[in-house]
Amino acid sequence: MKLVRVRIGDAMKTERIIGKAIRAYLARMVARARLEILSARPLGKPIRASEAIEIPADETVVRRAGRVSERLRISDPRAWTNSAVPNFAYYRDRLIDRADEERMVKVLTGVKTGAYISSATQAALDLGRPPVISDEVLRAIQQKAFKIVTTEITPTLRDQLVDRLEANIRAGFSIDETAHSFGMLETNWRTIAKTETHDVYEQGSWDQVKNEAEEFGAEVTKYWQHSGNEHAPRETHLAAAEQYGPDDAIPIDEPFIVGGETMMRPHDPDASAENVINCGCTAIYLVGGKR
């Protein structure tokens, strides 16, 4: 009986690399936002976001600036005025640098491709065979990286910047304080990095054991292993680990039932976001002889 599992140490290293890339991407977006904000030039018609921006009274601005200037170390007291409030629609597009976005896609594609090959190779070694890695899978990884960057990472960072801009105007921050505060944004880069990392590592192992079952007729069973994360663990994932433990492994072609949803493995691409995002669970495969 051969045991195939994901090497968590390798996954953690990949997670750090992806997280670092996302933070660098945010930093470049923040730098563009700061440059635009500091110019504080009127752009187009009077600005409206989801609702009208109400500029605080002068005394509110002065009082607020006095409270935050020491913490932010900003000396320029210039306040926002109706003629200096930036165009939100303009900024939503201006904050995105398409060339930078393309670079982020390339970085994420490269890291995930390397992680997939590493996971697949390790699983193949556990099986005593060379890895089977198709061009179709590698193209799918690239396509998913493009989707993640363009529909999740970029819009999330962009919206956070615009929301911070709007909130600071209402709070009475000065123009410089607003620009400086962008550097204090908290992002969900950890969640994205963890989700994308575990997704590709699980896929690498899955593809190899699935090939072992289909090409060589091996008998393969699997069980669900919880990540062990004690911080707000999903009750449904704890229940899955208990129901599908080492002594209750199920055939590879049989789905796990997790919170009422069928999943072939952790990070099943057909599963809901609720069962996938920020999940660190993994599948352990037991590979025997021919059926």
Protein backbone atom coordinates (compact mmCIF):
# COMPACT_ATOMS: atom_id res chain seq x y z
CA MET A 1 0.00 0.00 0.00
CA LYS A 2 1.44 3.38 -1.08
CA LEU A 3 0.61 6.64 0.70
CA VAL A 4 0.35 9.86 -1.32
CA ARG A 5 0.04 13.20 0.44
CA VAL A 6 0.75 16.91 -0.18
CA ARG A 7 4.02 18.21 1.27
CA ILE A 8 2.77 21.06 3.47
CA GLY A 9 6.23 22.58 3.87
CA ASP A 10 6.50 23.18 0.13
CA ALA A 11 2.99 24.63 0.08
CA MET A 12 3.84 27.11 2.82
CA LYS A 13 6.86 28.33 0.86
CA THR A 14 4.71 28.84 -2.25
CA GLU A 15 2.10 30.64 -0.18
CA ARG A 16 4.71 33.13 1.03
CA ILE A 17 5.92 33.77 -2.53
CA ILE A 18 2.40 34.44 -3.82
CA GLY A 19 1.64 36.65 -0.83
CA LYS A 20 4.79 38.68 -1.41
CA ALA A 21 3.88 39.16 -5.09
CA ILE A 22 0.37 40.39 -4.23
CA ARG A 23 1.71 42.82 -1.63
CA ALA A 24 4.19 44.21 -4.16
CA TYR A 25 1.35 44.62 -6.64
CA LEU A 26 -0.65 46.55 -4.03
CA ALA A 27 2.37 48.73 -3.27
CA ARG A 28 2.66 49.75 -6.92
CA MET A 29 -1.06 50.49 -7.10
CA VAL A 30 -0.79 52.57 -3.92
CA ALA A 31 2.13 54.50 -5.41
CA ARG A 32 0.01 55.44 -8.42
CA ALA A 33 -2.89 56.44 -6.17
CA ARG A 34 -0.63 58.63 -4.02
CA LEU A 35 0.75 60.40 -7.08
CA GLU A 36 -2.72 61.13 -8.40
CA ILE A 37 -4.11 62.23 -5.05
CA LEU A 38 -1.22 64.56 -4.27
CA SER A 39 -1.82 66.39 -7.53
CA ALA A 40 -5.39 67.04 -6.26
CA ARG A 41 -6.45 68.47 -9.57
CA PRO A 42 -10.11 68.73 -10.56
CA LEU A 43 -11.06 66.11 -13.10
CA GLY A 44 -14.20 66.52 -15.08
CA LYS A 45 -17.61 67.15 -13.53
CA PRO A 46 -18.27 67.51 -9.78
CA ILE A 47 -17.66 64.10 -8.32
CA ARG A 48 -20.16 61.61 -7.02
CA ALA A 49 -19.48 58.07 -5.89
CA SER A 50 -22.31 55.87 -4.66
CA GLU A 51 -23.61 59.02 -2.98
CA ALA A 52 -22.66 62.67 -2.77
CA ILE A 53 -19.43 63.42 -0.93
CA GLU A 54 -19.98 65.88 1.87
CA ILE A 55 -16.89 67.96 2.56
CA PRO A 56 -16.50 68.52 6.34
CA ALA A 57 -16.69 72.03 7.77
CA ASP A 58 -13.35 73.82 8.15
CA GLU A 59 -13.29 73.43 11.92
CA THR A 60 -13.86 69.67 11.57
CA VAL A 61 -11.00 69.39 9.13
CA VAL A 62 -8.65 71.30 11.41
CA ARG A 63 -9.65 69.24 14.45
CA ARG A 64 -9.34 65.95 12.59
CA ALA A 65 -6.02 66.93 11.04
CA GLY A 66 -4.69 67.77 14.48
CA ARG A 67 -5.55 64.29 15.75
CA VAL A 68 -4.02 62.36 12.89
CA SER A 69 -1.11 64.47 11.70
CA GLU A 70 1.25 63.34 14.45
CA ARG A 71 0.51 59.67 13.86
CA LEU A 72 0.80 59.99 10.09
CA ARG A 73 3.67 62.51 10.25
CA ILE A 74 2.08 64.69 7.60
CA SER A 75 2.76 68.40 7.74
CA ASP A 76 0.77 69.69 4.75
CA PRO A 77 -2.68 70.70 6.08
CA ARG A 78 -4.32 71.14 2.66
CA ALA A 79 -7.92 70.08 2.96
CA TRP A 80 -10.21 68.71 0.31
CA THR A 81 -12.51 71.22 -1.37
CA ASN A 82 -15.32 70.71 -3.84
CA SER A 83 -12.92 71.72 -6.61
CA ALA A 84 -10.25 69.26 -5.46
CA VAL A 85 -12.30 66.12 -4.89
CA PRO A 86 -11.10 63.56 -7.44
CA ASN A 87 -13.30 61.88 -9.99
CA PHE A 88 -14.10 58.44 -8.62
CA ALA A 89 -14.98 56.94 -11.99
CA TYR A 90 -11.70 58.27 -13.35
CA TYR A 91 -9.71 56.82 -10.46
CA ARG A 92 -11.20 53.35 -10.76
CA ASP A 93 -9.62 53.03 -14.20
CA ARG A 94 -6.54 55.14 -13.49
CA LEU A 95 -5.45 52.93 -10.59
CA ILE A 96 -5.04 49.95 -12.90
CA ASP A 97 -1.85 49.63 -14.92
CA ARG A 98 -2.53 46.95 -17.53
CA ALA A 99 1.17 46.22 -18.06
CA ASP A 100 1.59 45.72 -14.32
CA GLU A 101 -1.50 43.53 -14.27
CA GLU A 102 -0.01 41.38 -17.05
CA ARG A 103 3.19 41.03 -15.03
CA MET A 104 1.16 39.91 -12.01
CA VAL A 105 -0.55 37.26 -14.16
CA LYS A 106 2.84 36.00 -15.36
CA VAL A 107 4.19 35.84 -11.81
CA LEU A 108 1.15 33.96 -10.50
CA THR A 109 1.19 31.61 -13.49
CA GLY A 110 4.88 30.85 -13.01
CA VAL A 111 4.60 30.22 -9.29
CA LYS A 112 1.50 28.05 -9.60
CA THR A 113 2.96 26.09 -12.51
CA GLY A 114 6.10 25.38 -10.50
CA ALA A 115 4.02 24.37 -7.49
CA TYR A 116 1.85 22.06 -9.61
CA ILE A 117 4.89 20.33 -11.14
CA SER A 118 6.46 19.97 -7.68
CA SER A 119 3.30 18.45 -6.21
CA ALA A 120 2.76 16.14 -9.19
CA THR A 121 6.39 15.03 -9.17
CA GLN A 122 6.33 14.25 -5.46
CA ALA A 123 3.10 12.27 -5.82
CA ALA A 124 4.60 10.37 -8.75
CA LEU A 125 7.68 9.56 -6.66
CA ASP A 126 5.40 8.21 -3.95
CA LEU A 127 3.85 6.00 -6.63
CA GLY A 128 7.20 4.97 -8.06
CA ARG A 129 6.45 6.38 -11.51
CA PRO A 130 7.47 9.42 -13.60
CA PRO A 131 4.99 12.32 -13.35
CA VAL A 132 2.32 12.78 -16.01
CA ILE A 133 1.98 16.50 -16.75
CA SER A 134 -0.16 17.59 -19.70
CA ASP A 135 0.01 20.86 -21.62
CA GLU A 136 -3.75 21.14 -21.16
CA VAL A 137 -3.38 21.32 -17.38
CA LEU A 138 -0.62 23.93 -17.63
CA ARG A 139 -2.79 26.06 -19.93
CA ALA A 140 -5.65 25.77 -17.46
CA ILE A 141 -3.37 27.02 -14.68
CA GLN A 142 -2.46 30.07 -16.79
CA GLN A 143 -6.11 30.78 -17.59
CA LYS A 144 -7.06 30.55 -13.94
CA ALA A 145 -4.20 32.87 -12.94
CA PHE A 146 -5.47 35.43 -15.45
CA LYS A 147 -8.99 35.14 -14.03
CA ILE A 148 -7.79 35.46 -10.42
CA VAL A 149 -5.77 38.61 -11.14
CA THR A 150 -8.29 40.37 -13.37
CA THR A 151 -11.54 39.48 -11.57
CA GLU A 152 -10.43 39.17 -7.94
CA ILE A 153 -7.05 40.66 -7.02
CA THR A 154 -7.13 43.85 -9.11
CA PRO A 155 -10.79 44.80 -8.43
CA THR A 156 -10.39 44.09 -4.70
CA LEU A 157 -7.30 46.29 -4.33
CA ARG A 158 -8.77 49.01 -6.53
CA ASP A 159 -12.03 49.14 -4.59
CA GLN A 160 -10.19 49.26 -1.27
CA LEU A 161 -8.23 52.29 -2.44
CA VAL A 162 -11.33 54.11 -3.68
CA ASP A 163 -13.26 53.27 -0.50
CA ARG A 164 -10.39 54.60 1.61
CA LEU A 165 -10.32 57.79 -0.47
CA GLU A 166 -14.03 58.36 0.01
CA ALA A 167 -13.90 57.63 3.75
CA ASN A 168 -10.94 59.96 4.31
CA ILE A 169 -12.66 62.83 2.56
CA ARG A 170 -15.68 62.42 4.83
CA ALA A 171 -13.45 62.12 7.91
CA GLY A 172 -11.67 65.40 7.22
CA PHE A 173 -8.22 64.08 6.37
CA SER A 174 -6.00 66.47 4.46
CA ILE A 175 -4.91 65.62 0.93
CA ASP A 176 -1.48 64.47 2.09
CA GLU A 177 -2.94 62.46 4.95
CA THR A 178 -5.24 60.73 2.51
CA ALA A 179 -2.34 59.81 0.23
CA HIS A 180 -0.24 58.61 3.16
CA SER A 181 -3.05 56.48 4.60
CA PHE A 182 -3.11 54.30 1.49
CA GLY A 183 0.05 52.66 2.72
CA MET A 184 -1.85 51.41 5.78
CA LEU A 185 -4.38 49.38 3.82
CA GLU A 186 -5.02 45.86 5.01
CA THR A 187 -5.65 43.43 2.19
CA ASN A 188 -6.81 39.85 1.92
CA TRP A 189 -3.54 38.78 0.27
CA ARG A 190 -3.05 36.03 2.86
CA THR A 191 -6.41 34.49 2.01
CA ILE A 192 -5.76 34.65 -1.74
CA ALA A 193 -2.24 33.24 -1.38
CA LYS A 194 -3.38 30.35 0.82
CA THR A 195 -6.34 29.48 -1.38
CA GLU A 196 -4.39 29.52 -4.64
CA THR A 197 -1.48 27.56 -3.16
CA HIS A 198 -3.52 24.72 -1.70
CA ASP A 199 -5.63 24.58 -4.85
CA VAL A 200 -2.66 23.83 -7.10
CA TYR A 201 -0.96 21.42 -4.68
CA GLU A 202 -4.14 19.40 -4.25
CA GLN A 203 -4.60 19.30 -8.02
CA GLY A 204 -1.04 18.03 -8.58
CA SER A 205 -1.52 15.06 -6.25
CA TRP A 206 -5.03 14.36 -7.49
CA ASP A 207 -4.00 14.19 -11.15
CA GLN A 208 -1.27 11.65 -10.45
CA VAL A 209 -3.33 9.27 -8.31
CA LYS A 210 -6.25 9.61 -10.71
CA ASN A 211 -3.94 8.60 -13.55
CA GLU A 212 -2.72 5.66 -11.47
CA ALA A 213 -6.29 4.44 -11.09
CA GLU A 214 -7.30 5.00 -14.71
CA GLU A 215 -4.13 3.97 -16.57
CA PHE A 216 -2.88 1.16 -14.37
CA GLY A 217 -6.08 -0.06 -12.73
CA ALA A 218 -4.80 0.59 -9.22
CA GLU A 219 -7.20 0.52 -6.30
CA VAL A 220 -7.14 4.01 -4.76
CA THR A 221 -8.96 5.21 -1.66
CA LYS A 222 -8.83 8.61 -0.02
CA TYR A 223 -9.56 10.29 3.28
CA TRP A 224 -10.00 13.88 4.38
CA GLN A 225 -7.39 15.44 6.65
CA HIS A 226 -8.21 18.69 8.42
CA SER A 227 -5.59 21.43 8.39
CA GLY A 228 -5.52 21.55 12.18
CA ASN A 229 -6.14 25.30 12.12
CA GLU A 230 -7.70 26.14 15.46
CA HIS A 231 -8.58 29.71 14.46
CA ALA A 232 -12.23 29.69 13.37
CA PRO A 233 -12.19 26.21 11.82
CA ARG A 234 -15.07 25.24 9.56
CA GLU A 235 -17.32 22.88 11.45
CA THR A 236 -18.21 21.18 8.17
CA HIS A 237 -14.55 20.44 7.45
CA LEU A 238 -13.97 19.12 10.96
CA ALA A 239 -16.98 16.88 10.44
CA ALA A 240 -15.60 15.69 7.09
CA ALA A 241 -12.28 14.77 8.70
CA GLU A 242 -14.16 12.79 11.35
CA GLN A 243 -16.52 11.09 8.91
CA TYR A 244 -13.84 10.32 6.30
CA GLY A 245 -10.87 9.55 8.53
CA PRO A 246 -8.02 7.08 7.94
CA ASP A 247 -10.19 4.18 9.05
CA ASP A 248 -13.08 5.28 6.86
CA ALA A 249 -11.36 5.98 3.53
CA ILE A 250 -13.60 5.95 0.47
CA PRO A 251 -12.91 5.03 -3.19
CA ILE A 252 -11.29 7.79 -5.25
CA ASP A 253 -14.32 8.06 -7.55
CA GLU A 254 -16.72 8.52 -4.63
CA PRO A 255 -17.29 12.13 -3.48
CA PHE A 256 -16.90 13.49 0.01
CA ILE A 257 -20.06 15.11 1.36
CA VAL A 258 -18.95 18.36 3.00
CA GLY A 259 -21.64 20.55 4.49
CA GLY A 260 -24.18 18.97 2.15
CA GLU A 261 -21.98 19.60 -0.91
CA THR A 262 -20.24 16.90 -2.97
CA MET A 263 -16.47 17.37 -3.31
CA MET A 264 -14.06 14.98 -4.95
CA ARG A 265 -11.18 16.50 -2.98
CA PRO A 266 -10.33 19.61 -0.95
CA HIS A 267 -10.29 22.59 -3.33
CA ASP A 268 -12.51 20.78 -5.80
CA PRO A 269 -12.83 23.29 -8.70
CA ASP A 270 -16.58 22.65 -8.83
CA ALA A 271 -17.10 23.38 -5.11
CA SER A 272 -18.54 26.58 -3.67
CA ALA A 273 -16.35 29.43 -2.44
CA GLU A 274 -17.54 28.69 1.10
CA ASN A 275 -15.84 25.30 1.01
CA VAL A 276 -12.70 26.44 -0.82
CA ILE A 277 -11.56 29.91 0.21
CA ASN A 278 -8.83 29.90 2.87
CA CYS A 279 -9.07 26.12 3.25
CA GLY A 280 -5.94 24.26 4.30
CA CYS A 281 -7.39 20.75 4.35
CA THR A 282 -5.85 18.02 2.22
CA ALA A 283 -6.67 14.59 0.83
CA ILE A 284 -4.55 11.58 1.67
CA TYR A 285 -4.53 8.79 -0.92
CA LEU A 286 -3.97 5.09 -0.29
CA VAL A 287 -2.87 3.29 -3.44
CA GLY A 288 -2.92 -0.50 -3.56
CA GLY A 289 -2.62 -3.13 -6.27
CA LYS A 290 -4.82 -3.64 -9.31
CA ARG A 291 -8.54 -3.90 -8.82
